[in-house]
Every structure is written in C-alpha cells, then in structure tokens.
Amino acid sequence: MRAEGRSALSAQSLIRVAGVLGCVVGLGCGGGPTTQNGDAGAWQPTSDQQAFIAQYCDAIGPCCAQAGAPADAGTTCQSTLLRSGVSADPSLRAACLAEVQQLAGESDCVPEVANRADPCVRTFNEPSGPQAAGQPCAHNADCAGSAGTSTVCIVAPTPTNLNAPPICVVRVVGKAGDQPCVGTIFPEGVTIEYGVVLDGSDTPLNHGVLCERAKGLYCDPATRVCTPLLSESTPCTFADACASRVCRSDGTCSGIVSSGHACMPAACDDASTCDPASLICTSKRADGTACTDSAQCMGSCAQGMCSPVTRAQNLALAGWCG
C-alpha cells in the first residue's frame, strides 16, 4: 500500500496480515506460547495438527533462508503457529502444505496472503479452538473458526472495563452498506482494524465485517459502515477514505496518475512510484533490478534487489522465520 498520505488513524489501529493474522509482524496475538495444560479455554492441537505445524515449518525453511532470516530449526515458526492456530480441516491443511512445498526455492516463495481463498490463508484464518464468538481467549488459536470467515482473538477494553479480556471475533468480507465494519483490507493483504467496541457502547462486537479496498470500499471508522472510496476532489477527513490514499491539505482527495505525470499533489498508481527528485511518477522496477526502497518495486526491496515478495508477505515471513 502507498506510503503517501497515510492516515493518522492507521497508526493508532491494529495492523494484521490477512490469512496469517498477526500483530504487525507475527501470526497470533498475545505473548508467549499457547497454553497446553488442560485449560478448557485453550487450544489443544491434535497429533495431526502438530504434525502439520512441524511439516509446514520445515517446508517454509528454505524461504526463510532465501530471505536471509536466521536459522532456528523452525522454533519461531512452530511457536507462532501454536498461537495462530490451524484449521480442523485435514484437506485444507494438506493443500496448504502442498502449496508451500511447491513454492520452496522459488523467488516468490511465500503463500499469497492477499488471496483469502488461498489454502494457507484459510488454514490460519479458520482456527479450531474451543472458544465461540464473544468468549475470552489468549490467542487466535483458542477461537473456533468456520469456513469462509476470519476468526481472531482481539483485545476488547470497554469504557467501564479497561481490563476486559480479549475475546474471539468472527469477521466476514462485506459489501457496500454492510455494518458494523471493524477494518479495511488493503490489496496487498494487510488489514487495518478499528477495534470492536463502538462509540457509545460498553459491549464489544463478536461479529463484524471487513471492507475491501480492492472492491472499492473502506471501513469508515466514524459510521462503521463499508463505504465507497472517495474519488478525486471529494471532501475527506482522513487519507484511507480516498482511492488515492491522499487527503490533501485543502480537505479533498487527490487524484491518481500514471507513470510520466506529476505526483504532487496527485498520487502515483500501483504500477509507478513518485521520484523524490523530479516529483514525477516513474514505472516501478522489475524483479531482480537494483533498488534502495520497496516503493521502487512491484513487490519489495530485499538485500538491494527488487523481489516479487510483497511487504505484506514479508510481515508474514517475519512471524515464521523470526
């Protein structure tokens, strides 16, 4: 997603990677490993699920090495997956494992976190814990997911109980007008969330919708409704409401322009980036081309070269590789 005009609200909100649902750089919220002491509220992985976690972490190892991550024999990966949880569906887990094994050694070796139908995305989006929506949890793994949803463990302090425990929340992708929305999904797969306690309420939501920018929508944090993105010159109050992600100083959204056009005050399209010297949009560089910043690449800049791995995929990789 573009760096220009980033909303102040974004910096105050929880950021997750769709599919591998972690707090900014991990897969599963809350510190420490999942409790496995017989607590009825904690996920107790089956032997098959434990085997999947071990196999997945072995399979992602070459991708970690390719990214220059330290080798830790899968310790970080296994700890992360025990917090995020995995699906109870063996066919889904098998498809995920096959995908990662097939990708091993390729330049784009990370599952496609932006694709919510991807088997690995679904495997981590649909955990198999014992806690139903609205029940307390310590990690995503403790929550009971279901097909086609994204179920997570979310902190839920209320005006009268700032120390309220995290709860399981079920989210589905919404359409225009759907409410209450709890976050916006960006095309790369990153989700910016706005919390589950609405203004004026003392009861956290246990179900909510996510609005997709790829479908022309954003979650309006004021109304909590999936709302169409604002076009050029439309009045705006924050950047993420604009299709360009730039809310200008005059309180209107900037336009989006392509390579060769001036990028001030407009925003460059996804295929180009703003050259800071000329202030002209220039085409993003091909994979394998030298770079100094991820904004220059279609994916990301890794070790001085453009890589097809996106920044969202890198966030997921950080959770698996340490």
C-alpha atoms as a PDB file:
ATOM      1  CA  MET A   1       0.000   0.000   0.000  1.00  0.00           C
ATOM      2  CA  ARG A   2       1.144   3.551  -0.626  1.00  0.00           C
ATOM      3  CA  ALA A   3       3.121   5.434   1.945  1.00  0.00           C
ATOM      4  CA  GLU A   4       1.829   8.833   0.777  1.00  0.00           C
ATOM      5  CA  GLY A   5      -0.865  10.453   2.867  1.00  0.00           C
ATOM      6  CA  ARG A   6      -1.069   7.672   5.401  1.00  0.00           C
ATOM      7  CA  SER A   7      -3.880   8.240   7.860  1.00  0.00           C
ATOM      8  CA  ALA A   8      -3.158   9.072  11.471  1.00  0.00           C
ATOM      9  CA  LEU A   9      -5.902   6.611  12.324  1.00  0.00           C
ATOM     10  CA  SER A  10      -3.828   3.861  10.763  1.00  0.00           C
ATOM     11  CA  ALA A  11      -1.002   4.427  13.194  1.00  0.00           C
ATOM     12  CA  GLN A  12      -3.394   4.048  16.120  1.00  0.00           C
ATOM     13  CA  SER A  13      -5.036   0.876  14.851  1.00  0.00           C
ATOM     14  CA  LEU A  14      -4.081  -2.766  14.896  1.00  0.00           C
ATOM     15  CA  ILE A  15      -2.471  -3.964  11.679  1.00  0.00           C
ATOM     16  CA  ARG A  16      -2.782  -7.600  10.665  1.00  0.00           C
ATOM     17  CA  VAL A  17      -1.758  -9.619   7.651  1.00  0.00           C
ATOM     18  CA  ALA A  18      -4.769 -11.324   6.170  1.00  0.00           C
ATOM     19  CA  GLY A  19      -4.501 -15.039   6.451  1.00  0.00           C
ATOM     20  CA  VAL A  20      -1.682 -15.118   8.921  1.00  0.00           C
ATOM     21  CA  LEU A  21      -3.364 -12.781  11.332  1.00  0.00           C
ATOM     22  CA  GLY A  22      -0.600 -11.394  13.436  1.00  0.00           C
ATOM     23  CA  CYS A  23       0.015  -8.287  15.441  1.00  0.00           C
ATOM     24  CA  VAL A  24       2.043  -6.305  12.934  1.00  0.00           C
ATOM     25  CA  VAL A  25       4.881  -8.804  12.488  1.00  0.00           C
ATOM     26  CA  GLY A  26       3.606 -12.102  13.817  1.00  0.00           C
ATOM     27  CA  LEU A  27       0.861 -14.598  13.426  1.00  0.00           C
ATOM     28  CA  GLY A  28      -1.301 -14.599  16.504  1.00  0.00           C
ATOM     29  CA  CYS A  29      -1.777 -12.036  19.201  1.00  0.00           C
ATOM     30  CA  GLY A  30      -0.650 -12.203  22.785  1.00  0.00           C
ATOM     31  CA  GLY A  31       2.743 -13.083  24.152  1.00  0.00           C
ATOM     32  CA  GLY A  32       4.103 -16.499  24.842  1.00  0.00           C
ATOM     33  CA  PRO A  33       3.174 -19.929  23.518  1.00  0.00           C
ATOM     34  CA  THR A  34      -0.309 -21.350  23.585  1.00  0.00           C
ATOM     35  CA  THR A  35      -1.176 -22.936  26.912  1.00  0.00           C
ATOM     36  CA  GLN A  36      -1.388 -26.715  26.732  1.00  0.00           C
ATOM     37  CA  ASN A  37      -2.180 -27.556  30.341  1.00  0.00           C
ATOM     38  CA  GLY A  38      -5.703 -28.870  30.003  1.00  0.00           C
ATOM     39  CA  ASP A  39      -7.319 -25.419  30.318  1.00  0.00           C
ATOM     40  CA  ALA A  40     -10.737 -25.782  28.677  1.00  0.00           C
ATOM     41  CA  GLY A  41     -10.332 -22.363  27.052  1.00  0.00           C
ATOM     42  CA  ALA A  42      -7.026 -23.129  25.372  1.00  0.00           C
ATOM     43  CA  TRP A  43      -6.496 -24.862  22.049  1.00  0.00           C
ATOM     44  CA  GLN A  44      -5.307 -28.434  22.325  1.00  0.00           C
ATOM     45  CA  PRO A  45      -3.863 -29.337  18.898  1.00  0.00           C
ATOM     46  CA  THR A  46      -4.360 -32.900  17.735  1.00  0.00           C
ATOM     47  CA  SER A  47      -1.403 -35.057  16.768  1.00  0.00           C
ATOM     48  CA  ASP A  48      -2.283 -34.468  13.106  1.00  0.00           C
ATOM     49  CA  GLN A  49      -2.303 -30.701  13.630  1.00  0.00           C
ATOM     50  CA  GLN A  50       1.017 -30.866  15.472  1.00  0.00           C
ATOM     51  CA  ALA A  51       2.449 -32.878  12.572  1.00  0.00           C
ATOM     52  CA  PHE A  52       1.160 -30.269  10.108  1.00  0.00           C
ATOM     53  CA  ILE A  53       2.828 -27.465  12.069  1.00  0.00           C
ATOM     54  CA  ALA A  54       6.156 -29.311  12.069  1.00  0.00           C
ATOM     55  CA  GLN A  55       5.894 -30.095   8.340  1.00  0.00           C
ATOM     56  CA  TYR A  56       4.831 -26.551   7.454  1.00  0.00           C
ATOM     57  CA  CYS A  57       7.756 -25.059   9.355  1.00  0.00           C
ATOM     58  CA  ASP A  58      10.163 -27.467   7.643  1.00  0.00           C
ATOM     59  CA  ALA A  59       8.705 -26.519   4.248  1.00  0.00           C
ATOM     60  CA  ILE A  60       8.927 -22.756   4.848  1.00  0.00           C
ATOM     61  CA  GLY A  61      12.568 -23.085   5.983  1.00  0.00           C
ATOM     62  CA  PRO A  62      14.122 -22.613   2.510  1.00  0.00           C
ATOM     63  CA  CYS A  63      12.051 -19.439   2.065  1.00  0.00           C
ATOM     64  CA  CYS A  64      13.385 -18.133   5.382  1.00  0.00           C
ATOM     65  CA  ALA A  65      16.927 -18.870   4.267  1.00  0.00           C
ATOM     66  CA  GLN A  66      16.315 -17.155   0.940  1.00  0.00           C
ATOM     67  CA  ALA A  67      15.123 -14.074   2.824  1.00  0.00           C
ATOM     68  CA  GLY A  68      18.285 -14.082   4.927  1.00  0.00           C
ATOM     69  CA  ALA A  69      16.421 -14.928   8.136  1.00  0.00           C
ATOM     70  CA  PRO A  70      18.346 -16.685  10.930  1.00  0.00           C
ATOM     71  CA  ALA A  71      18.003 -20.458  11.022  1.00  0.00           C
ATOM     72  CA  ASP A  72      16.396 -21.625  14.277  1.00  0.00           C
ATOM     73  CA  ALA A  73      15.241 -25.119  13.246  1.00  0.00           C
ATOM     74  CA  GLY A  74      11.650 -23.921  12.977  1.00  0.00           C
ATOM     75  CA  THR A  75      11.351 -22.890  16.641  1.00  0.00           C
ATOM     76  CA  THR A  76       9.952 -19.435  15.869  1.00  0.00           C
ATOM     77  CA  CYS A  77       7.614 -20.822  13.228  1.00  0.00           C
ATOM     78  CA  GLN A  78       6.182 -23.524  15.476  1.00  0.00           C
ATOM     79  CA  SER A  79       5.704 -21.116  18.375  1.00  0.00           C
ATOM     80  CA  THR A  80       3.948 -18.692  16.049  1.00  0.00           C
ATOM     81  CA  LEU A  81       1.596 -21.308  14.616  1.00  0.00           C
ATOM     82  CA  LEU A  82       0.707 -22.579  18.080  1.00  0.00           C
ATOM     83  CA  ARG A  83      -0.538 -19.062  18.808  1.00  0.00           C
ATOM     84  CA  SER A  84      -2.291 -18.514  15.478  1.00  0.00           C
ATOM     85  CA  GLY A  85      -3.890 -21.969  15.354  1.00  0.00           C
ATOM     86  CA  VAL A  86      -4.757 -24.017  12.287  1.00  0.00           C
ATOM     87  CA  SER A  87      -7.896 -25.334  10.645  1.00  0.00           C
ATOM     88  CA  ALA A  88      -9.538 -28.574  11.711  1.00  0.00           C
ATOM     89  CA  ASP A  89      -9.997 -29.468   8.018  1.00  0.00           C
ATOM     90  CA  PRO A  90      -7.292 -32.006   7.012  1.00  0.00           C
ATOM     91  CA  SER A  91      -7.841 -31.405   3.280  1.00  0.00           C
ATOM     92  CA  LEU A  92      -7.273 -27.673   3.749  1.00  0.00           C
ATOM     93  CA  ARG A  93      -4.081 -28.276   5.722  1.00  0.00           C
ATOM     94  CA  ALA A  94      -2.860 -30.738   3.086  1.00  0.00           C
ATOM     95  CA  ALA A  95      -3.473 -28.208   0.296  1.00  0.00           C
ATOM     96  CA  CYS A  96      -1.590 -25.550   2.267  1.00  0.00           C
ATOM     97  CA  LEU A  97       1.366 -27.842   2.836  1.00  0.00           C
ATOM     98  CA  ALA A  98       1.441 -28.818  -0.843  1.00  0.00           C
ATOM     99  CA  GLU A  99       1.432 -25.127  -1.801  1.00  0.00           C
ATOM    100  CA  VAL A 100       4.369 -24.255   0.455  1.00  0.00           C
ATOM    101  CA  GLN A 101       6.355 -27.285  -0.699  1.00  0.00           C
ATOM    102  CA  GLN A 102       5.737 -26.326  -4.327  1.00  0.00           C
ATOM    103  CA  LEU A 103       6.836 -22.732  -3.692  1.00  0.00           C
ATOM    104  CA  ALA A 104      10.050 -23.736  -1.901  1.00  0.00           C
ATOM    105  CA  GLY A 105      13.072 -22.432  -3.776  1.00  0.00           C
ATOM    106  CA  GLU A 106      11.075 -20.037  -5.985  1.00  0.00           C
ATOM    107  CA  SER A 107      11.760 -16.314  -5.821  1.00  0.00           C
ATOM    108  CA  ASP A 108       8.165 -15.748  -4.681  1.00  0.00           C
ATOM    109  CA  CYS A 109       8.172 -18.475  -2.053  1.00  0.00           C
ATOM    110  CA  VAL A 110       5.527 -17.092   0.323  1.00  0.00           C
ATOM    111  CA  PRO A 111       1.828 -18.075   0.169  1.00  0.00           C
ATOM    112  CA  GLU A 112      -0.341 -15.355  -1.370  1.00  0.00           C
ATOM    113  CA  VAL A 113      -1.600 -13.634   1.767  1.00  0.00           C
ATOM    114  CA  ALA A 114      -3.793 -11.245  -0.247  1.00  0.00           C
ATOM    115  CA  ASN A 115      -5.896 -14.134  -1.588  1.00  0.00           C
ATOM    116  CA  ARG A 116      -8.442 -15.045   1.068  1.00  0.00           C
ATOM    117  CA  ALA A 117      -9.249 -18.284  -0.782  1.00  0.00           C
ATOM    118  CA  ASP A 118      -5.619 -19.430  -0.634  1.00  0.00           C
ATOM    119  CA  PRO A 119      -5.454 -22.723   1.333  1.00  0.00           C
ATOM    120  CA  CYS A 120      -2.791 -21.406   3.711  1.00  0.00           C
ATOM    121  CA  VAL A 121      -4.716 -18.191   4.290  1.00  0.00           C
ATOM    122  CA  ARG A 122      -7.793 -20.236   5.121  1.00  0.00           C
ATOM    123  CA  THR A 123      -5.810 -22.666   7.269  1.00  0.00           C
ATOM    124  CA  PHE A 124      -4.724 -19.807   9.539  1.00  0.00           C
ATOM    125  CA  ASN A 125      -7.920 -17.744   9.211  1.00  0.00           C
ATOM    126  CA  GLU A 126     -10.098 -20.619  10.415  1.00  0.00           C
ATOM    127  CA  PRO A 127      -8.587 -21.814  13.730  1.00  0.00           C
ATOM    128  CA  SER A 128     -10.022 -24.783  15.578  1.00  0.00           C
ATOM    129  CA  GLY A 129     -10.021 -23.758  19.236  1.00  0.00           C
ATOM    130  CA  PRO A 130     -12.885 -24.362  21.714  1.00  0.00           C
ATOM    131  CA  GLN A 131     -13.949 -20.747  22.315  1.00  0.00           C
ATOM    132  CA  ALA A 132     -17.021 -19.434  20.487  1.00  0.00           C
ATOM    133  CA  ALA A 133     -17.505 -15.856  19.272  1.00  0.00           C
ATOM    134  CA  GLY A 134     -17.578 -13.482  22.232  1.00  0.00           C
ATOM    135  CA  GLN A 135     -15.818 -15.870  24.608  1.00  0.00           C
ATOM    136  CA  PRO A 136     -12.457 -14.978  26.202  1.00  0.00           C
ATOM    137  CA  CYS A 137      -9.226 -16.086  24.570  1.00  0.00           C
ATOM    138  CA  ALA A 138      -5.473 -15.677  24.869  1.00  0.00           C
ATOM    139  CA  HIS A 139      -4.547 -16.313  21.230  1.00  0.00           C
ATOM    140  CA  ASN A 140      -6.209 -16.736  17.842  1.00  0.00           C
ATOM    141  CA  ALA A 141      -5.681 -20.477  18.273  1.00  0.00           C
ATOM    142  CA  ASP A 142      -8.184 -20.576  21.135  1.00  0.00           C
ATOM    143  CA  CYS A 143     -11.062 -19.448  18.893  1.00  0.00           C
ATOM    144  CA  ALA A 144     -13.455 -21.655  16.906  1.00  0.00           C
ATOM    145  CA  GLY A 145     -13.276 -20.618  13.270  1.00  0.00           C
ATOM    146  CA  SER A 146     -15.531 -21.620  10.393  1.00  0.00           C
ATOM    147  CA  ALA A 147     -15.268 -21.881   6.625  1.00  0.00           C
ATOM    148  CA  GLY A 148     -15.150 -18.591   4.778  1.00  0.00           C
ATOM    149  CA  THR A 149     -14.592 -16.427   7.862  1.00  0.00           C
ATOM    150  CA  SER A 150     -11.609 -14.837   9.573  1.00  0.00           C
ATOM    151  CA  THR A 151     -11.742 -15.550  13.309  1.00  0.00           C
ATOM    152  CA  VAL A 152      -9.333 -13.790  15.637  1.00  0.00           C
ATOM    153  CA  CYS A 153      -8.663 -13.079  19.294  1.00  0.00           C
ATOM    154  CA  ILE A 154      -8.999  -9.314  19.774  1.00  0.00           C
ATOM    155  CA  VAL A 155      -8.438  -7.054  22.762  1.00  0.00           C
ATOM    156  CA  ALA A 156     -11.771  -5.525  23.761  1.00  0.00           C
ATOM    157  CA  PRO A 157     -11.460  -2.918  26.553  1.00  0.00           C
ATOM    158  CA  THR A 158     -14.723  -1.097  27.225  1.00  0.00           C
ATOM    159  CA  PRO A 159     -15.354   2.314  28.813  1.00  0.00           C
ATOM    160  CA  THR A 160     -16.292   0.668  32.113  1.00  0.00           C
ATOM    161  CA  ASN A 161     -13.768  -2.177  31.966  1.00  0.00           C
ATOM    162  CA  LEU A 162     -10.412  -1.218  30.520  1.00  0.00           C
ATOM    163  CA  ASN A 163      -9.015  -4.578  31.646  1.00  0.00           C
ATOM    164  CA  ALA A 164     -11.646  -6.689  29.887  1.00  0.00           C
ATOM    165  CA  PRO A 165     -10.091  -9.877  28.460  1.00  0.00           C
ATOM    166  CA  PRO A 166      -9.599 -10.385  24.728  1.00  0.00           C
ATOM    167  CA  ILE A 167     -12.475 -12.150  23.004  1.00  0.00           C
ATOM    168  CA  CYS A 168     -12.989 -14.237  19.884  1.00  0.00           C
ATOM    169  CA  VAL A 169     -14.421 -12.222  16.989  1.00  0.00           C
ATOM    170  CA  VAL A 170     -15.700 -13.613  13.691  1.00  0.00           C
ATOM    171  CA  ARG A 171     -15.243 -11.385  10.625  1.00  0.00           C
ATOM    172  CA  VAL A 172     -16.588 -11.779   7.096  1.00  0.00           C
ATOM    173  CA  VAL A 173     -15.921  -9.714   3.972  1.00  0.00           C
ATOM    174  CA  GLY A 174     -18.684  -7.179   3.500  1.00  0.00           C
ATOM    175  CA  LYS A 175     -20.240  -5.273   0.620  1.00  0.00           C
ATOM    176  CA  ALA A 176     -21.199  -1.613   0.336  1.00  0.00           C
ATOM    177  CA  GLY A 177     -23.534  -0.626   3.155  1.00  0.00           C
ATOM    178  CA  ASP A 178     -22.696  -3.593   5.391  1.00  0.00           C
ATOM    179  CA  GLN A 179     -22.142  -2.878   9.071  1.00  0.00           C
ATOM    180  CA  PRO A 180     -20.720  -2.867  11.647  1.00  0.00           C
ATOM    181  CA  CYS A 181     -17.321  -2.909   9.989  1.00  0.00           C
ATOM    182  CA  VAL A 182     -14.187  -3.498  12.051  1.00  0.00           C
ATOM    183  CA  GLY A 183     -11.445  -2.912   9.492  1.00  0.00           C
ATOM    184  CA  THR A 184     -10.252  -2.324   5.936  1.00  0.00           C
ATOM    185  CA  ILE A 185      -8.401  -4.929   3.848  1.00  0.00           C
ATOM    186  CA  PHE A 186      -5.768  -3.479   1.524  1.00  0.00           C
ATOM    187  CA  PRO A 187      -4.919  -5.130  -1.830  1.00  0.00           C
ATOM    188  CA  GLU A 188      -1.579  -6.462  -0.529  1.00  0.00           C
ATOM    189  CA  GLY A 189      -3.392  -8.389   2.205  1.00  0.00           C
ATOM    190  CA  VAL A 190      -2.759  -6.063   5.147  1.00  0.00           C
ATOM    191  CA  THR A 191      -5.787  -5.259   7.295  1.00  0.00           C
ATOM    192  CA  ILE A 192      -6.105  -2.078   9.353  1.00  0.00           C
ATOM    193  CA  GLU A 193      -8.558  -2.606  12.207  1.00  0.00           C
ATOM    194  CA  TYR A 194     -10.542  -0.084  14.221  1.00  0.00           C
ATOM    195  CA  GLY A 195     -11.496  -2.116  17.286  1.00  0.00           C
ATOM    196  CA  VAL A 196     -14.623  -3.979  18.314  1.00  0.00           C
ATOM    197  CA  VAL A 197     -16.125  -1.537  20.822  1.00  0.00           C
ATOM    198  CA  LEU A 198     -18.244   1.072  19.046  1.00  0.00           C
ATOM    199  CA  ASP A 199     -18.502   4.673  20.236  1.00  0.00           C
ATOM    200  CA  GLY A 200     -21.190   4.974  22.879  1.00  0.00           C
ATOM    201  CA  SER A 201     -21.249   1.225  23.558  1.00  0.00           C
ATOM    202  CA  ASP A 202     -19.992  -0.773  26.500  1.00  0.00           C
ATOM    203  CA  THR A 203     -20.393  -4.143  24.780  1.00  0.00           C
ATOM    204  CA  PRO A 204     -17.747  -5.413  22.332  1.00  0.00           C
ATOM    205  CA  LEU A 205     -18.816  -6.850  18.995  1.00  0.00           C
ATOM    206  CA  ASN A 206     -18.290 -10.565  18.494  1.00  0.00           C
ATOM    207  CA  HIS A 207     -19.125 -10.455  14.782  1.00  0.00           C
ATOM    208  CA  GLY A 208     -18.145  -7.826  12.230  1.00  0.00           C
ATOM    209  CA  VAL A 209     -17.376  -7.171   8.580  1.00  0.00           C
ATOM    210  CA  LEU A 210     -14.178  -6.244   6.766  1.00  0.00           C
ATOM    211  CA  CYS A 211     -14.286  -3.867   3.795  1.00  0.00           C
ATOM    212  CA  GLU A 212     -12.011  -4.471   0.784  1.00  0.00           C
ATOM    213  CA  ARG A 213     -10.286  -1.602  -0.998  1.00  0.00           C
ATOM    214  CA  ALA A 214      -9.823  -3.911  -3.994  1.00  0.00           C
ATOM    215  CA  LYS A 215     -13.619  -3.795  -4.317  1.00  0.00           C
ATOM    216  CA  GLY A 216     -13.704  -0.017  -3.945  1.00  0.00           C
ATOM    217  CA  LEU A 217     -14.650   0.065  -0.257  1.00  0.00           C
ATOM    218  CA  TYR A 218     -13.232   1.176   3.073  1.00  0.00           C
ATOM    219  CA  CYS A 219     -14.428   0.884   6.656  1.00  0.00           C
ATOM    220  CA  ASP A 220     -15.500   4.316   7.844  1.00  0.00           C
ATOM    221  CA  PRO A 221     -14.339   4.376  11.491  1.00  0.00           C
ATOM    222  CA  ALA A 222     -16.927   7.054  12.309  1.00  0.00           C
ATOM    223  CA  THR A 223     -20.037   5.290  10.962  1.00  0.00           C
ATOM    224  CA  ARG A 224     -18.668   1.715  10.924  1.00  0.00           C
ATOM    225  CA  VAL A 225     -20.211   1.158   7.501  1.00  0.00           C
ATOM    226  CA  CYS A 226     -18.469  -0.292   4.417  1.00  0.00           C
ATOM    227  CA  THR A 227     -18.356   2.842   2.270  1.00  0.00           C
ATOM    228  CA  PRO A 228     -17.283   3.500  -1.357  1.00  0.00           C
ATOM    229  CA  LEU A 229     -13.813   5.007  -1.678  1.00  0.00           C
ATOM    230  CA  LEU A 230     -13.766   8.730  -2.359  1.00  0.00           C
ATOM    231  CA  SER A 231     -12.696   9.991  -5.782  1.00  0.00           C
ATOM    232  CA  GLU A 232     -10.539  12.965  -6.713  1.00  0.00           C
ATOM    233  CA  SER A 233     -11.602  16.341  -5.253  1.00  0.00           C
ATOM    234  CA  THR A 234     -14.168  14.740  -2.927  1.00  0.00           C
ATOM    235  CA  PRO A 235     -14.071  16.178   0.627  1.00  0.00           C
ATOM    236  CA  CYS A 236     -12.184  13.923   3.043  1.00  0.00           C
ATOM    237  CA  THR A 237     -11.154  13.822   6.688  1.00  0.00           C
ATOM    238  CA  PHE A 238      -8.535  11.069   6.542  1.00  0.00           C
ATOM    239  CA  ALA A 239      -6.337   9.511   3.892  1.00  0.00           C
ATOM    240  CA  ASP A 240      -7.637   5.941   3.924  1.00  0.00           C
ATOM    241  CA  ALA A 241     -11.062   7.143   2.779  1.00  0.00           C
ATOM    242  CA  CYS A 242      -9.564   8.280  -0.544  1.00  0.00           C
ATOM    243  CA  ALA A 243      -8.991   5.970  -3.502  1.00  0.00           C
ATOM    244  CA  SER A 244      -5.559   7.593  -3.754  1.00  0.00           C
ATOM    245  CA  ARG A 245      -4.876   7.324  -0.001  1.00  0.00           C
ATOM    246  CA  VAL A 246      -4.025  11.039  -0.072  1.00  0.00           C
ATOM    247  CA  CYS A 247      -6.248  13.566   1.685  1.00  0.00           C
ATOM    248  CA  ARG A 248      -4.808  16.961   0.716  1.00  0.00           C
ATOM    249  CA  SER A 249      -4.347  19.945   2.979  1.00  0.00           C
ATOM    250  CA  ASP A 250      -7.433  21.547   1.420  1.00  0.00           C
ATOM    251  CA  GLY A 251      -9.535  18.654   2.744  1.00  0.00           C
ATOM    252  CA  THR A 252     -10.114  16.909  -0.597  1.00  0.00           C
ATOM    253  CA  CYS A 253      -8.835  13.645  -2.052  1.00  0.00           C
ATOM    254  CA  SER A 254      -6.028  13.823  -4.599  1.00  0.00           C
ATOM    255  CA  GLY A 255      -6.257  12.074  -7.932  1.00  0.00           C
ATOM    256  CA  ILE A 256      -4.307   9.044  -9.159  1.00  0.00           C
ATOM    257  CA  VAL A 257      -1.924   9.393 -12.118  1.00  0.00           C
ATOM    258  CA  SER A 258       0.278   7.019 -14.094  1.00  0.00           C
ATOM    259  CA  SER A 259       3.971   6.997 -14.995  1.00  0.00           C
ATOM    260  CA  GLY A 260       5.207  10.235 -16.564  1.00  0.00           C
ATOM    261  CA  HIS A 261       2.795  12.511 -14.717  1.00  0.00           C
ATOM    262  CA  ALA A 262       3.495  14.855 -11.820  1.00  0.00           C
ATOM    263  CA  CYS A 263       2.960  13.232  -8.432  1.00  0.00           C
ATOM    264  CA  MET A 264       2.408  16.418  -6.474  1.00  0.00           C
ATOM    265  CA  PRO A 265      -0.328  16.854  -5.447  1.00  0.00           C
ATOM    266  CA  ALA A 266      -1.550  13.670  -7.179  1.00  0.00           C
ATOM    267  CA  ALA A 267      -0.693  10.087  -6.160  1.00  0.00           C
ATOM    268  CA  CYS A 268       1.017   7.551  -8.405  1.00  0.00           C
ATOM    269  CA  ASP A 269      -0.869   4.439  -9.441  1.00  0.00           C
ATOM    270  CA  ASP A 270       0.141   0.947  -8.278  1.00  0.00           C
ATOM    271  CA  ALA A 271       2.467   0.440 -11.270  1.00  0.00           C
ATOM    272  CA  SER A 272       4.536   3.547 -10.577  1.00  0.00           C
ATOM    273  CA  THR A 273       6.238   5.433  -7.767  1.00  0.00           C
ATOM    274  CA  CYS A 274       6.951   9.095  -7.095  1.00  0.00           C
ATOM    275  CA  ASP A 275      10.559  10.046  -7.840  1.00  0.00           C
ATOM    276  CA  PRO A 276      11.548  12.330  -4.923  1.00  0.00           C
ATOM    277  CA  ALA A 277      13.957  14.334  -7.088  1.00  0.00           C
ATOM    278  CA  SER A 278      11.762  15.049 -10.096  1.00  0.00           C
ATOM    279  CA  LEU A 279       8.345  14.625  -8.426  1.00  0.00           C
ATOM    280  CA  ILE A 280       7.314  12.637 -11.489  1.00  0.00           C
ATOM    281  CA  CYS A 281       5.719   9.179 -11.339  1.00  0.00           C
ATOM    282  CA  THR A 282       8.150   6.596 -12.721  1.00  0.00           C
ATOM    283  CA  SER A 283       7.479   2.944 -13.532  1.00  0.00           C
ATOM    284  CA  LYS A 284       8.299   0.519 -10.768  1.00  0.00           C
ATOM    285  CA  ARG A 285      11.361  -1.629 -11.349  1.00  0.00           C
ATOM    286  CA  ALA A 286      11.340  -5.242 -12.493  1.00  0.00           C
ATOM    287  CA  ASP A 287      12.180  -8.089 -10.133  1.00  0.00           C
ATOM    288  CA  GLY A 288      15.937  -8.552  -9.895  1.00  0.00           C
ATOM    289  CA  THR A 289      16.643  -4.857 -10.513  1.00  0.00           C
ATOM    290  CA  ALA A 290      18.740  -2.879  -8.032  1.00  0.00           C
ATOM    291  CA  CYS A 291      16.728  -0.829  -5.512  1.00  0.00           C
ATOM    292  CA  THR A 292      17.070   1.186  -2.340  1.00  0.00           C
ATOM    293  CA  ASP A 293      13.418   1.269  -1.232  1.00  0.00           C
ATOM    294  CA  SER A 294      10.417  -1.056  -1.558  1.00  0.00           C
ATOM    295  CA  ALA A 295       8.377   1.777  -3.086  1.00  0.00           C
ATOM    296  CA  GLN A 296      10.543   1.369  -6.215  1.00  0.00           C
ATOM    297  CA  CYS A 297       9.442  -2.260  -6.679  1.00  0.00           C
ATOM    298  CA  MET A 298       6.233  -4.075  -7.539  1.00  0.00           C
ATOM    299  CA  GLY A 299       6.901  -6.347  -4.579  1.00  0.00           C
ATOM    300  CA  SER A 300       9.581  -5.250  -2.128  1.00  0.00           C
ATOM    301  CA  CYS A 301      13.257  -4.301  -1.981  1.00  0.00           C
ATOM    302  CA  ALA A 302      15.254  -7.113  -0.373  1.00  0.00           C
ATOM    303  CA  GLN A 303      19.020  -7.062   0.015  1.00  0.00           C
ATOM    304  CA  GLY A 304      19.281  -4.289  -2.572  1.00  0.00           C
ATOM    305  CA  MET A 305      17.237  -6.051  -5.273  1.00  0.00           C
ATOM    306  CA  CYS A 306      13.557  -5.913  -6.233  1.00  0.00           C
ATOM    307  CA  SER A 307      11.775  -9.081  -5.112  1.00  0.00           C
ATOM    308  CA  PRO A 308       8.299 -10.353  -6.054  1.00  0.00           C
ATOM    309  CA  VAL A 309       7.619 -10.923  -2.336  1.00  0.00           C
ATOM    310  CA  THR A 310       5.333  -8.133  -1.152  1.00  0.00           C
ATOM    311  CA  ARG A 311       5.705  -6.197   2.065  1.00  0.00           C
ATOM    312  CA  ALA A 312       2.631  -7.991   3.450  1.00  0.00           C
ATOM    313  CA  GLN A 313       4.232 -11.338   2.641  1.00  0.00           C
ATOM    314  CA  ASN A 314       7.393 -10.159   4.376  1.00  0.00           C
ATOM    315  CA  LEU A 315       5.375  -9.399   7.513  1.00  0.00           C
ATOM    316  CA  ALA A 316       4.055 -12.973   7.446  1.00  0.00           C
ATOM    317  CA  LEU A 317       7.542 -14.318   6.807  1.00  0.00           C
ATOM    318  CA  ALA A 318       8.839 -12.444   9.847  1.00  0.00           C
ATOM    319  CA  GLY A 319       6.390 -14.389  12.007  1.00  0.00           C
ATOM    320  CA  TRP A 320       7.518 -17.715  10.599  1.00  0.00           C
ATOM    321  CA  CYS A 321      11.238 -17.073  10.421  1.00  0.00           C
ATOM    322  CA  GLY A 322      11.999 -14.871  13.418  1.00  0.00           C
END
